[in-house]
C-alpha atoms as a PDB file:
ATOM      1  CA  UNK A   1      51.857 -22.556 -54.212  1.00  0.00           C
ATOM      2  CA  UNK A   2      52.316 -25.339 -51.739  1.00  0.00           C
ATOM      3  CA  UNK A   3      54.092 -22.751 -49.117  1.00  0.00           C
ATOM      4  CA  UNK A   4      51.403 -20.107 -49.337  1.00  0.00           C
ATOM      5  CA  UNK A   5      48.651 -22.780 -49.037  1.00  0.00           C
ATOM      6  CA  UNK A   6      50.180 -24.076 -45.893  1.00  0.00           C
ATOM      7  CA  UNK A   7      50.739 -20.504 -44.132  1.00  0.00           C
ATOM      8  CA  UNK A   8      47.188 -19.596 -45.126  1.00  0.00           C
ATOM      9  CA  UNK A   9      45.752 -22.767 -43.502  1.00  0.00           C
ATOM     10  CA  UNK A  10      48.325 -22.060 -40.341  1.00  0.00           C
ATOM     11  CA  UNK A  11      46.649 -18.253 -40.123  1.00  0.00           C
ATOM     12  CA  UNK A  12      43.213 -19.610 -41.043  1.00  0.00           C
ATOM     13  CA  UNK A  13      43.857 -21.923 -37.771  1.00  0.00           C
ATOM     14  CA  UNK A  14      45.369 -19.662 -35.667  1.00  0.00           C
ATOM     15  CA  UNK A  15      42.513 -17.112 -35.946  1.00  0.00           C
ATOM     16  CA  UNK A  16      39.994 -19.824 -34.922  1.00  0.00           C
ATOM     17  CA  UNK A  17      41.931 -20.759 -32.081  1.00  0.00           C
ATOM     18  CA  UNK A  18      42.171 -17.360 -31.350  1.00  0.00           C
ATOM     19  CA  UNK A  19      38.272 -16.896 -31.622  1.00  0.00           C
ATOM     20  CA  UNK A  20      37.751 -19.960 -29.596  1.00  0.00           C
ATOM     21  CA  UNK A  21      39.938 -18.951 -26.528  1.00  0.00           C
ATOM     22  CA  UNK A  22      38.559 -15.791 -26.587  1.00  0.00           C
ATOM     23  CA  UNK A  23      35.235 -17.115 -26.647  1.00  0.00           C
ATOM     24  CA  UNK A  24      35.783 -19.785 -23.898  1.00  0.00           C
ATOM     25  CA  UNK A  25      37.972 -17.266 -21.673  1.00  0.00           C
ATOM     26  CA  UNK A  26      34.997 -14.687 -21.576  1.00  0.00           C
ATOM     27  CA  UNK A  27      32.823 -17.417 -20.682  1.00  0.00           C
ATOM     28  CA  UNK A  28      34.690 -18.764 -18.018  1.00  0.00           C
ATOM     29  CA  UNK A  29      35.368 -14.956 -16.956  1.00  0.00           C
ATOM     30  CA  UNK A  30      31.890 -14.158 -16.584  1.00  0.00           C
ATOM     31  CA  UNK A  31      31.073 -17.395 -14.737  1.00  0.00           C
ATOM     32  CA  UNK A  32      33.503 -16.121 -12.533  1.00  0.00           C
ATOM     33  CA  UNK A  33      32.751 -12.614 -11.916  1.00  0.00           C
ATOM     34  CA  UNK A  34      28.856 -13.706 -11.225  1.00  0.00           C
ATOM     35  CA  UNK A  35      30.126 -16.386  -8.778  1.00  0.00           C
ATOM     36  CA  UNK A  36      32.374 -14.192  -7.087  1.00  0.00           C
ATOM     37  CA  UNK A  37      29.494 -11.382  -6.938  1.00  0.00           C
ATOM     38  CA  UNK A  38      26.986 -13.705  -5.229  1.00  0.00           C
ATOM     39  CA  UNK A  39      29.016 -14.927  -2.866  1.00  0.00           C
ATOM     40  CA  UNK A  40      29.725 -11.099  -1.861  1.00  0.00           C
ATOM     41  CA  UNK A  41      26.058 -10.913  -2.125  1.00  0.00           C
ATOM     42  CA  UNK A  42      24.881 -13.931   0.323  1.00  0.00           C
ATOM     43  CA  UNK A  43      27.565 -12.495   2.350  1.00  0.00           C
ATOM     44  CA  UNK A  44      25.603  -9.584   3.141  1.00  0.00           C
ATOM     45  CA  UNK A  45      22.451 -11.869   3.822  1.00  0.00           C
ATOM     46  CA  UNK A  46      24.437 -13.748   6.327  1.00  0.00           C
ATOM     47  CA  UNK A  47      26.012 -10.587   8.033  1.00  0.00           C
ATOM     48  CA  UNK A  48      22.243  -9.019   8.466  1.00  0.00           C
ATOM     49  CA  UNK A  49      20.550  -8.752  11.214  1.00  0.00           C
ATOM     50  CA  UNK A  50      17.920 -11.194  12.498  1.00  0.00           C
ATOM     51  CA  UNK A  51      14.540 -11.398  12.352  1.00  0.00           C
ATOM     52  CA  UNK A  52      12.198 -10.893  15.678  1.00  0.00           C
ATOM     53  CA  UNK A  53       8.876 -10.335  16.749  1.00  0.00           C
ATOM     54  CA  UNK A  54       7.526  -6.806  17.229  1.00  0.00           C
ATOM     55  CA  UNK A  55       4.138  -5.778  18.022  1.00  0.00           C
ATOM     56  CA  UNK A  56       3.400  -3.584  15.057  1.00  0.00           C
ATOM     57  CA  UNK A  57      -0.484  -3.906  14.403  1.00  0.00           C
ATOM     58  CA  UNK A  58      -1.198  -4.715  10.556  1.00  0.00           C
ATOM     59  CA  UNK A  59      -2.898  -7.485   8.854  1.00  0.00           C
ATOM     60  CA  UNK A  60      -2.861  -8.628   5.567  1.00  0.00           C
ATOM     61  CA  UNK A  61      -6.350  -8.901   3.468  1.00  0.00           C
ATOM     62  CA  UNK A  62      -7.294 -10.366   0.228  1.00  0.00           C
ATOM     63  CA  UNK A  63      -9.903  -8.643  -1.734  1.00  0.00           C
ATOM     64  CA  UNK A  64     -12.188 -10.246  -4.279  1.00  0.00           C
ATOM     65  CA  UNK A  65     -14.471  -8.679  -6.328  1.00  0.00           C
ATOM     66  CA  UNK A  66     -16.598 -11.367  -8.083  1.00  0.00           C
ATOM     67  CA  UNK A  67     -17.734  -8.969 -11.027  1.00  0.00           C
ATOM     68  CA  UNK A  68     -14.185  -8.182 -11.668  1.00  0.00           C
ATOM     69  CA  UNK A  69     -13.267 -11.369 -11.638  1.00  0.00           C
ATOM     70  CA  UNK A  70     -15.759 -12.918 -14.265  1.00  0.00           C
ATOM     71  CA  UNK A  71     -14.853  -9.471 -16.447  1.00  0.00           C
ATOM     72  CA  UNK A  72     -11.291 -10.659 -16.459  1.00  0.00           C
ATOM     73  CA  UNK A  73     -12.204 -14.382 -16.943  1.00  0.00           C
ATOM     74  CA  UNK A  74     -14.390 -13.178 -20.005  1.00  0.00           C
ATOM     75  CA  UNK A  75     -11.629 -10.695 -21.478  1.00  0.00           C
ATOM     76  CA  UNK A  76      -8.314 -13.326 -21.536  1.00  0.00           C
ATOM     77  CA  UNK A  77     -10.898 -16.205 -21.803  1.00  0.00           C
ATOM     78  CA  UNK A  78      -9.618 -17.870 -18.941  1.00  0.00           C
ATOM     79  CA  UNK A  79     -11.604 -20.973 -19.175  1.00  0.00           C
ATOM     80  CA  UNK A  80     -10.155 -22.004 -22.510  1.00  0.00           C
ATOM     81  CA  UNK A  81      -7.085 -21.125 -21.464  1.00  0.00           C
ATOM     82  CA  UNK A  82      -7.010 -23.571 -18.239  1.00  0.00           C
ATOM     83  CA  UNK A  83      -8.800 -25.855 -20.006  1.00  0.00           C
ATOM     84  CA  UNK A  84      -6.286 -28.308 -19.857  1.00  0.00           C
ATOM     85  CA  UNK A  85      -5.006 -27.658 -16.593  1.00  0.00           C
ATOM     86  CA  UNK A  86      -5.328 -29.829 -13.809  1.00  0.00           C
ATOM     87  CA  UNK A  87      -7.443 -28.332 -10.379  1.00  0.00           C
ATOM     88  CA  UNK A  88      -4.121 -27.952  -8.528  1.00  0.00           C
ATOM     89  CA  UNK A  89      -3.482 -24.438  -7.765  1.00  0.00           C
ATOM     90  CA  UNK A  90       0.513 -24.373  -8.829  1.00  0.00           C
ATOM     91  CA  UNK A  91      -0.436 -25.878 -12.162  1.00  0.00           C
ATOM     92  CA  UNK A  92      -3.202 -23.153 -12.736  1.00  0.00           C
ATOM     93  CA  UNK A  93      -0.735 -20.335 -11.644  1.00  0.00           C
ATOM     94  CA  UNK A  94       2.022 -21.704 -13.670  1.00  0.00           C
ATOM     95  CA  UNK A  95      -0.374 -22.002 -16.651  1.00  0.00           C
ATOM     96  CA  UNK A  96      -1.385 -18.160 -16.171  1.00  0.00           C
ATOM     97  CA  UNK A  97       2.464 -17.342 -15.777  1.00  0.00           C
ATOM     98  CA  UNK A  98       3.295 -18.784 -18.741  1.00  0.00           C
ATOM     99  CA  UNK A  99       0.412 -17.094 -20.699  1.00  0.00           C
ATOM    100  CA  UNK A 100       1.909 -13.424 -19.412  1.00  0.00           C
ATOM    101  CA  UNK A 101       5.586 -14.097 -19.903  1.00  0.00           C
ATOM    102  CA  UNK A 102       5.037 -16.183 -23.558  1.00  0.00           C
ATOM    103  CA  UNK A 103       2.693 -12.477 -24.633  1.00  0.00           C
ATOM    104  CA  UNK A 104       4.637  -9.679 -22.790  1.00  0.00           C
ATOM    105  CA  UNK A 105       8.517  -9.968 -22.465  1.00  0.00           C
ATOM    106  CA  UNK A 106      10.454  -7.708 -19.748  1.00  0.00           C
ATOM    107  CA  UNK A 107      11.230  -3.884 -20.980  1.00  0.00           C
ATOM    108  CA  UNK A 108      11.658  -0.835 -18.966  1.00  0.00           C
ATOM    109  CA  UNK A 109       8.623   0.894 -20.742  1.00  0.00           C
ATOM    110  CA  UNK A 110       9.396   4.692 -21.924  1.00  0.00           C
ATOM    111  CA  UNK A 111       5.936   5.649 -21.056  1.00  0.00           C
ATOM    112  CA  UNK A 112       4.433   4.416 -17.745  1.00  0.00           C
ATOM    113  CA  UNK A 113       0.550   3.525 -18.250  1.00  0.00           C
ATOM    114  CA  UNK A 114      -2.087   5.332 -16.101  1.00  0.00           C
ATOM    115  CA  UNK A 115      -4.041   2.563 -16.177  1.00  0.00           C
ATOM    116  CA  UNK A 116      -2.590  -0.259 -14.140  1.00  0.00           C
ATOM    117  CA  UNK A 117      -5.085  -3.617 -14.078  1.00  0.00           C
ATOM    118  CA  UNK A 118      -4.677  -6.592 -16.266  1.00  0.00           C
ATOM    119  CA  UNK A 119      -6.955  -5.315 -19.039  1.00  0.00           C
ATOM    120  CA  UNK A 120      -5.862  -1.916 -19.241  1.00  0.00           C
ATOM    121  CA  UNK A 121      -2.601  -3.415 -19.049  1.00  0.00           C
ATOM    122  CA  UNK A 122      -3.041  -5.905 -21.431  1.00  0.00           C
ATOM    123  CA  UNK A 123      -4.384  -2.889 -24.079  1.00  0.00           C
ATOM    124  CA  UNK A 124      -1.332  -1.228 -23.260  1.00  0.00           C
ATOM    125  CA  UNK A 125       0.920  -4.065 -24.792  1.00  0.00           C
ATOM    126  CA  UNK A 126      -1.301  -3.745 -27.971  1.00  0.00           C
ATOM    127  CA  UNK A 127      -1.606   0.028 -28.496  1.00  0.00           C
ATOM    128  CA  UNK A 128       1.369   1.751 -26.736  1.00  0.00           C
ATOM    129  CA  UNK A 129       4.636  -0.378 -26.062  1.00  0.00           C
ATOM    130  CA  UNK A 130       4.827  -4.504 -26.653  1.00  0.00           C
ATOM    131  CA  UNK A 131       6.778  -5.102 -23.188  1.00  0.00           C
ATOM    132  CA  UNK A 132       7.257  -3.547 -19.540  1.00  0.00           C
ATOM    133  CA  UNK A 133       8.790  -3.861 -15.958  1.00  0.00           C
ATOM    134  CA  UNK A 134       8.554  -6.335 -13.657  1.00  0.00           C
ATOM    135  CA  UNK A 135       6.282  -4.356 -11.069  1.00  0.00           C
ATOM    136  CA  UNK A 136       3.661  -4.259 -14.054  1.00  0.00           C
ATOM    137  CA  UNK A 137       4.220  -7.989 -15.108  1.00  0.00           C
ATOM    138  CA  UNK A 138       3.331  -8.945 -11.339  1.00  0.00           C
ATOM    139  CA  UNK A 139       0.329  -6.720 -11.690  1.00  0.00           C
ATOM    140  CA  UNK A 140      -1.290  -8.141 -14.261  1.00  0.00           C
ATOM    141  CA  UNK A 141      -0.293 -11.605 -13.174  1.00  0.00           C
ATOM    142  CA  UNK A 142      -1.806 -10.560  -9.764  1.00  0.00           C
ATOM    143  CA  UNK A 143      -5.213 -10.045 -10.888  1.00  0.00           C
ATOM    144  CA  UNK A 144      -5.197 -13.067 -13.558  1.00  0.00           C
ATOM    145  CA  UNK A 145      -4.624 -15.555 -10.206  1.00  0.00           C
ATOM    146  CA  UNK A 146      -6.983 -13.468  -8.247  1.00  0.00           C
ATOM    147  CA  UNK A 147      -9.608 -13.633 -10.637  1.00  0.00           C
ATOM    148  CA  UNK A 148      -9.168 -17.301 -10.827  1.00  0.00           C
ATOM    149  CA  UNK A 149      -9.919 -17.555  -6.786  1.00  0.00           C
ATOM    150  CA  UNK A 150      -5.922 -17.673  -6.179  1.00  0.00           C
ATOM    151  CA  UNK A 151      -4.527 -15.538  -3.426  1.00  0.00           C
ATOM    152  CA  UNK A 152      -1.325 -13.746  -4.110  1.00  0.00           C
ATOM    153  CA  UNK A 153       0.275 -10.488  -3.387  1.00  0.00           C
ATOM    154  CA  UNK A 154       3.033  -8.797  -5.253  1.00  0.00           C
ATOM    155  CA  UNK A 155       6.052  -8.158  -3.437  1.00  0.00           C
ATOM    156  CA  UNK A 156       9.115  -5.709  -3.882  1.00  0.00           C
ATOM    157  CA  UNK A 157      12.284  -7.762  -3.232  1.00  0.00           C
ATOM    158  CA  UNK A 158      15.234  -4.984  -2.430  1.00  0.00           C
ATOM    159  CA  UNK A 159      18.938  -4.498  -1.852  1.00  0.00           C
ATOM    160  CA  UNK A 160      20.694  -3.704   1.173  1.00  0.00           C
ATOM    161  CA  UNK A 161      22.585  -0.870  -0.788  1.00  0.00           C
ATOM    162  CA  UNK A 162      20.670   2.431  -0.746  1.00  0.00           C
ATOM    163  CA  UNK A 163      22.897   3.604  -3.908  1.00  0.00           C
ATOM    164  CA  UNK A 164      21.310   0.716  -6.042  1.00  0.00           C
ATOM    165  CA  UNK A 165      18.120   1.703  -7.704  1.00  0.00           C
ATOM    166  CA  UNK A 166      17.284  -1.587  -8.961  1.00  0.00           C
ATOM    167  CA  UNK A 167      14.705  -4.257  -7.127  1.00  0.00           C
ATOM    168  CA  UNK A 168      12.601  -6.579  -8.259  1.00  0.00           C
ATOM    169  CA  UNK A 169       9.057  -7.274  -8.041  1.00  0.00           C
ATOM    170  CA  UNK A 170       7.269 -10.997  -8.031  1.00  0.00           C
ATOM    171  CA  UNK A 171       3.961 -12.546  -7.316  1.00  0.00           C
ATOM    172  CA  UNK A 172       3.857 -14.645  -3.927  1.00  0.00           C
ATOM    173  CA  UNK A 173       0.923 -17.643  -4.488  1.00  0.00           C
ATOM    174  CA  UNK A 174      -0.602 -19.061  -1.872  1.00  0.00           C
ATOM    175  CA  UNK A 175      -0.633 -23.232  -2.322  1.00  0.00           C
ATOM    176  CA  UNK A 176      -3.113 -24.151   0.026  1.00  0.00           C
ATOM    177  CA  UNK A 177      -1.994 -27.978  -1.187  1.00  0.00           C
ATOM    178  CA  UNK A 178       0.863 -27.657  -0.041  1.00  0.00           C
ATOM    179  CA  UNK A 179       0.052 -25.547   2.905  1.00  0.00           C
ATOM    180  CA  UNK A 180       2.620 -22.783   1.715  1.00  0.00           C
ATOM    181  CA  UNK A 181       3.834 -19.641  -0.689  1.00  0.00           C
ATOM    182  CA  UNK A 182       5.536 -19.612  -3.967  1.00  0.00           C
ATOM    183  CA  UNK A 183       7.415 -17.471  -5.914  1.00  0.00           C
ATOM    184  CA  UNK A 184       6.395 -16.598  -9.616  1.00  0.00           C
ATOM    185  CA  UNK A 185       8.232 -14.824 -11.873  1.00  0.00           C
ATOM    186  CA  UNK A 186       6.724 -13.800 -15.165  1.00  0.00           C
ATOM    187  CA  UNK A 187       9.346 -10.988 -15.628  1.00  0.00           C
ATOM    188  CA  UNK A 188      12.107 -12.938 -15.944  1.00  0.00           C
ATOM    189  CA  UNK A 189      10.190 -16.211 -16.840  1.00  0.00           C
ATOM    190  CA  UNK A 190      11.456 -18.336 -13.789  1.00  0.00           C
ATOM    191  CA  UNK A 191      10.265 -19.909 -10.575  1.00  0.00           C
ATOM    192  CA  UNK A 192      12.643 -21.768  -7.891  1.00  0.00           C
ATOM    193  CA  UNK A 193      12.257 -24.790  -6.105  1.00  0.00           C
ATOM    194  CA  UNK A 194      13.837 -27.072  -4.070  1.00  0.00           C
ATOM    195  CA  UNK A 195      15.819 -30.296  -5.090  1.00  0.00           C
ATOM    196  CA  UNK A 196      12.899 -32.384  -4.973  1.00  0.00           C
ATOM    197  CA  UNK A 197      10.966 -29.597  -7.217  1.00  0.00           C
ATOM    198  CA  UNK A 198       9.014 -28.324  -4.436  1.00  0.00           C
ATOM    199  CA  UNK A 199       8.110 -24.493  -5.151  1.00  0.00           C
ATOM    200  CA  UNK A 200       9.914 -21.998  -3.144  1.00  0.00           C
ATOM    201  CA  UNK A 201       8.703 -19.058  -0.939  1.00  0.00           C
ATOM    202  CA  UNK A 202      10.781 -15.804  -1.148  1.00  0.00           C
ATOM    203  CA  UNK A 203      11.149 -16.628   2.729  1.00  0.00           C
ATOM    204  CA  UNK A 204      12.688 -19.967   1.780  1.00  0.00           C
ATOM    205  CA  UNK A 205      15.005 -18.313  -0.899  1.00  0.00           C
ATOM    206  CA  UNK A 206      16.465 -16.082   1.265  1.00  0.00           C
ATOM    207  CA  UNK A 207      17.327 -18.997   4.172  1.00  0.00           C
ATOM    208  CA  UNK A 208      18.612 -21.142   1.450  1.00  0.00           C
ATOM    209  CA  UNK A 209      21.253 -18.743   0.205  1.00  0.00           C
ATOM    210  CA  UNK A 210      21.964 -18.069   3.747  1.00  0.00           C
ATOM    211  CA  UNK A 211      22.705 -21.751   4.708  1.00  0.00           C
ATOM    212  CA  UNK A 212      24.275 -22.529   1.478  1.00  0.00           C
ATOM    213  CA  UNK A 213      21.234 -24.754   0.001  1.00  0.00           C
ATOM    214  CA  UNK A 214      20.868 -25.591  -3.215  1.00  0.00           C
ATOM    215  CA  UNK A 215      17.874 -23.441  -5.331  1.00  0.00           C
ATOM    216  CA  UNK A 216      16.960 -24.752  -8.638  1.00  0.00           C
ATOM    217  CA  UNK A 217      15.631 -22.313 -11.067  1.00  0.00           C
ATOM    218  CA  UNK A 218      12.930 -22.981 -13.652  1.00  0.00           C
ATOM    219  CA  UNK A 219      12.348 -21.652 -16.819  1.00  0.00           C
ATOM    220  CA  UNK A 220       8.592 -21.151 -17.208  1.00  0.00           C
ATOM    221  CA  UNK A 221       9.213 -21.236 -21.062  1.00  0.00           C
ATOM    222  CA  UNK A 222      11.464 -23.988 -21.207  1.00  0.00           C
ATOM    223  CA  UNK A 223      14.213 -21.520 -22.896  1.00  0.00           C
ATOM    224  CA  UNK A 224      17.175 -21.369 -20.745  1.00  0.00           C
ATOM    225  CA  UNK A 225      18.699 -23.246 -18.454  1.00  0.00           C
ATOM    226  CA  UNK A 226      21.310 -20.774 -17.684  1.00  0.00           C
ATOM    227  CA  UNK A 227      20.631 -18.952 -14.183  1.00  0.00           C
ATOM    228  CA  UNK A 228      23.940 -17.601 -13.327  1.00  0.00           C
ATOM    229  CA  UNK A 229      22.880 -14.293 -13.739  1.00  0.00           C
ATOM    230  CA  UNK A 230      19.111 -14.829 -11.838  1.00  0.00           C
ATOM    231  CA  UNK A 231      20.825 -16.730  -8.690  1.00  0.00           C
ATOM    232  CA  UNK A 232      23.095 -13.536  -8.203  1.00  0.00           C
ATOM    233  CA  UNK A 233      20.520 -11.311  -8.672  1.00  0.00           C
ATOM    234  CA  UNK A 234      18.468 -13.154  -6.298  1.00  0.00           C
ATOM    235  CA  UNK A 235      20.692 -13.107  -4.112  1.00  0.00           C
ATOM    236  CA  UNK A 236      20.842  -9.367  -4.226  1.00  0.00           C
ATOM    237  CA  UNK A 237      17.464  -8.829  -3.979  1.00  0.00           C
ATOM    238  CA  UNK A 238      16.111 -10.826  -0.849  1.00  0.00           C
ATOM    239  CA  UNK A 239      17.522  -8.429   1.664  1.00  0.00           C
ATOM    240  CA  UNK A 240      14.413  -6.993   2.433  1.00  0.00           C
ATOM    241  CA  UNK A 241      10.958  -6.785   1.247  1.00  0.00           C
ATOM    242  CA  UNK A 242       7.630  -4.734   0.576  1.00  0.00           C
ATOM    243  CA  UNK A 243       3.789  -5.562   0.273  1.00  0.00           C
ATOM    244  CA  UNK A 244       0.695  -3.759   0.452  1.00  0.00           C
ATOM    245  CA  UNK A 245      -1.280  -4.237   3.340  1.00  0.00           C
ATOM    246  CA  UNK A 246      -4.473  -5.080   1.408  1.00  0.00           C
ATOM    247  CA  UNK A 247      -4.516  -6.350  -2.221  1.00  0.00           C
ATOM    248  CA  UNK A 248      -7.518  -6.562  -4.833  1.00  0.00           C
ATOM    249  CA  UNK A 249      -8.193  -5.137  -8.254  1.00  0.00           C
ATOM    250  CA  UNK A 250      -6.799  -1.900  -9.316  1.00  0.00           C
ATOM    251  CA  UNK A 251      -4.294  -1.906  -6.236  1.00  0.00           C
ATOM    252  CA  UNK A 252      -2.207   0.782  -8.018  1.00  0.00           C
ATOM    253  CA  UNK A 253      -4.926   2.851  -9.313  1.00  0.00           C
ATOM    254  CA  UNK A 254      -7.350   5.089  -7.471  1.00  0.00           C
ATOM    255  CA  UNK A 255      -9.539   2.238  -6.162  1.00  0.00           C
ATOM    256  CA  UNK A 256     -12.082   3.902  -3.872  1.00  0.00           C
ATOM    257  CA  UNK A 257     -12.454   0.391  -2.126  1.00  0.00           C
ATOM    258  CA  UNK A 258      -8.689   0.503  -1.227  1.00  0.00           C
ATOM    259  CA  UNK A 259      -8.295   4.173  -0.801  1.00  0.00           C
ATOM    260  CA  UNK A 260      -8.518   4.080   3.155  1.00  0.00           C
ATOM    261  CA  UNK A 261      -6.333   0.952   3.143  1.00  0.00           C
ATOM    262  CA  UNK A 262      -3.342   1.669   1.179  1.00  0.00           C
ATOM    263  CA  UNK A 263      -0.157   0.866   3.873  1.00  0.00           C
ATOM    264  CA  UNK A 264       2.722  -0.522   2.995  1.00  0.00           C
ATOM    265  CA  UNK A 265       4.287  -3.091   5.266  1.00  0.00           C
ATOM    266  CA  UNK A 266       8.045  -3.482   4.969  1.00  0.00           C
ATOM    267  CA  UNK A 267      10.052  -6.668   6.249  1.00  0.00           C
ATOM    268  CA  UNK A 268      13.502  -5.449   7.613  1.00  0.00           C
ATOM    269  CA  UNK A 269      16.221  -7.450   9.414  1.00  0.00           C
ATOM    270  CA  UNK A 270      16.805  -6.087  12.835  1.00  0.00           C
ATOM    271  CA  UNK A 271      19.139  -2.883  12.890  1.00  0.00           C
ATOM    272  CA  UNK A 272      18.090  -2.449   9.194  1.00  0.00           C
ATOM    273  CA  UNK A 273      15.897   1.186   8.610  1.00  0.00           C
ATOM    274  CA  UNK A 274      15.620   0.831   5.014  1.00  0.00           C
ATOM    275  CA  UNK A 275      15.353   3.496   2.549  1.00  0.00           C
ATOM    276  CA  UNK A 276      13.296   5.899   0.117  1.00  0.00           C
ATOM    277  CA  UNK A 277      10.231   5.053   2.658  1.00  0.00           C
ATOM    278  CA  UNK A 278       6.685   6.332   1.831  1.00  0.00           C
ATOM    279  CA  UNK A 279       4.654   7.979   4.711  1.00  0.00           C
ATOM    280  CA  UNK A 280       2.105   5.032   4.917  1.00  0.00           C
ATOM    281  CA  UNK A 281       4.648   2.587   5.843  1.00  0.00           C
ATOM    282  CA  UNK A 282       4.878   0.108   8.422  1.00  0.00           C
ATOM    283  CA  UNK A 283       7.875  -1.152   9.491  1.00  0.00           C
ATOM    284  CA  UNK A 284       8.499  -4.974  11.159  1.00  0.00           C
ATOM    285  CA  UNK A 285      11.121  -7.215  12.119  1.00  0.00           C
ATOM    286  CA  UNK A 286       8.315 -10.043  12.539  1.00  0.00           C
ATOM    287  CA  UNK A 287       8.828 -12.529   9.793  1.00  0.00           C
ATOM    288  CA  UNK A 288       6.249 -14.997  10.866  1.00  0.00           C
ATOM    289  CA  UNK A 289       3.516 -12.256  10.496  1.00  0.00           C
ATOM    290  CA  UNK A 290       4.801 -10.973   7.394  1.00  0.00           C
ATOM    291  CA  UNK A 291       4.614 -14.157   5.665  1.00  0.00           C
ATOM    292  CA  UNK A 292       1.666 -15.582   7.726  1.00  0.00           C
ATOM    293  CA  UNK A 293      -0.963 -18.156   6.426  1.00  0.00           C
ATOM    294  CA  UNK A 294      -3.563 -15.999   4.395  1.00  0.00           C
ATOM    295  CA  UNK A 295      -7.355 -15.255   5.340  1.00  0.00           C
ATOM    296  CA  UNK A 296      -9.712 -16.702   2.715  1.00  0.00           C
ATOM    297  CA  UNK A 297     -10.371 -14.151  -0.002  1.00  0.00           C
ATOM    298  CA  UNK A 298     -12.986 -11.251   1.540  1.00  0.00           C
END
């Protein structure tokens, strides 16, 4: 009996050792894969052409509608939501992003909503599907921010590989207190900063990756500190960018006020032609104008 107990104990110990070793090995393997993958993606950014000035004619405009702003504010009770938030633009933006992230998880919805505005997207999550993708996240957050008078636009961030169908859409928020843009991602529940905690824009994130400068990622909901996948994911999707020239409510619906101004401005590194471009596209290599200081809301 003693020999049997000893043998059983050894078997249990071996099984536990195997499981532990397998788990630890798997974690190290995943970390290694993410690291190699990220370095390859950063190399692509470093090898891309430089940005250069050009003469393409476009001008980003940020349209406000006081009636729609009031309607959205009342529907979402934004006065209550922001009651204990400071008037600082970034803190208000974070509160709104956390609200969206906390109520709507990410998913590739099976039914694409016909009405794509803040109120109808919210109703969609209550009546059709509880979650949706990054683009719809960004449209919803865009209108919440806009209703609070916060200038922002949603930007499509794309990879260099034309065979890669995956891209990412986030909000770019103007912070007048800091005179800069900041990236906000309610879909993947995160934002980026430098090591001092200053929020980073998409252009700064791209520059940091190329220069090898550390980026700190923060969880909107404080539910994770593991950003290995996210860090590599961004290294892929900072190659080129697309953004509406004119933003406003119901931007991707049949909005008569915006239909005549439906151009998409595309920022690419010199020598890169993009892919799957629409007829209403304007391509530029001039990053200074693409990321320019915005006009006030019109």
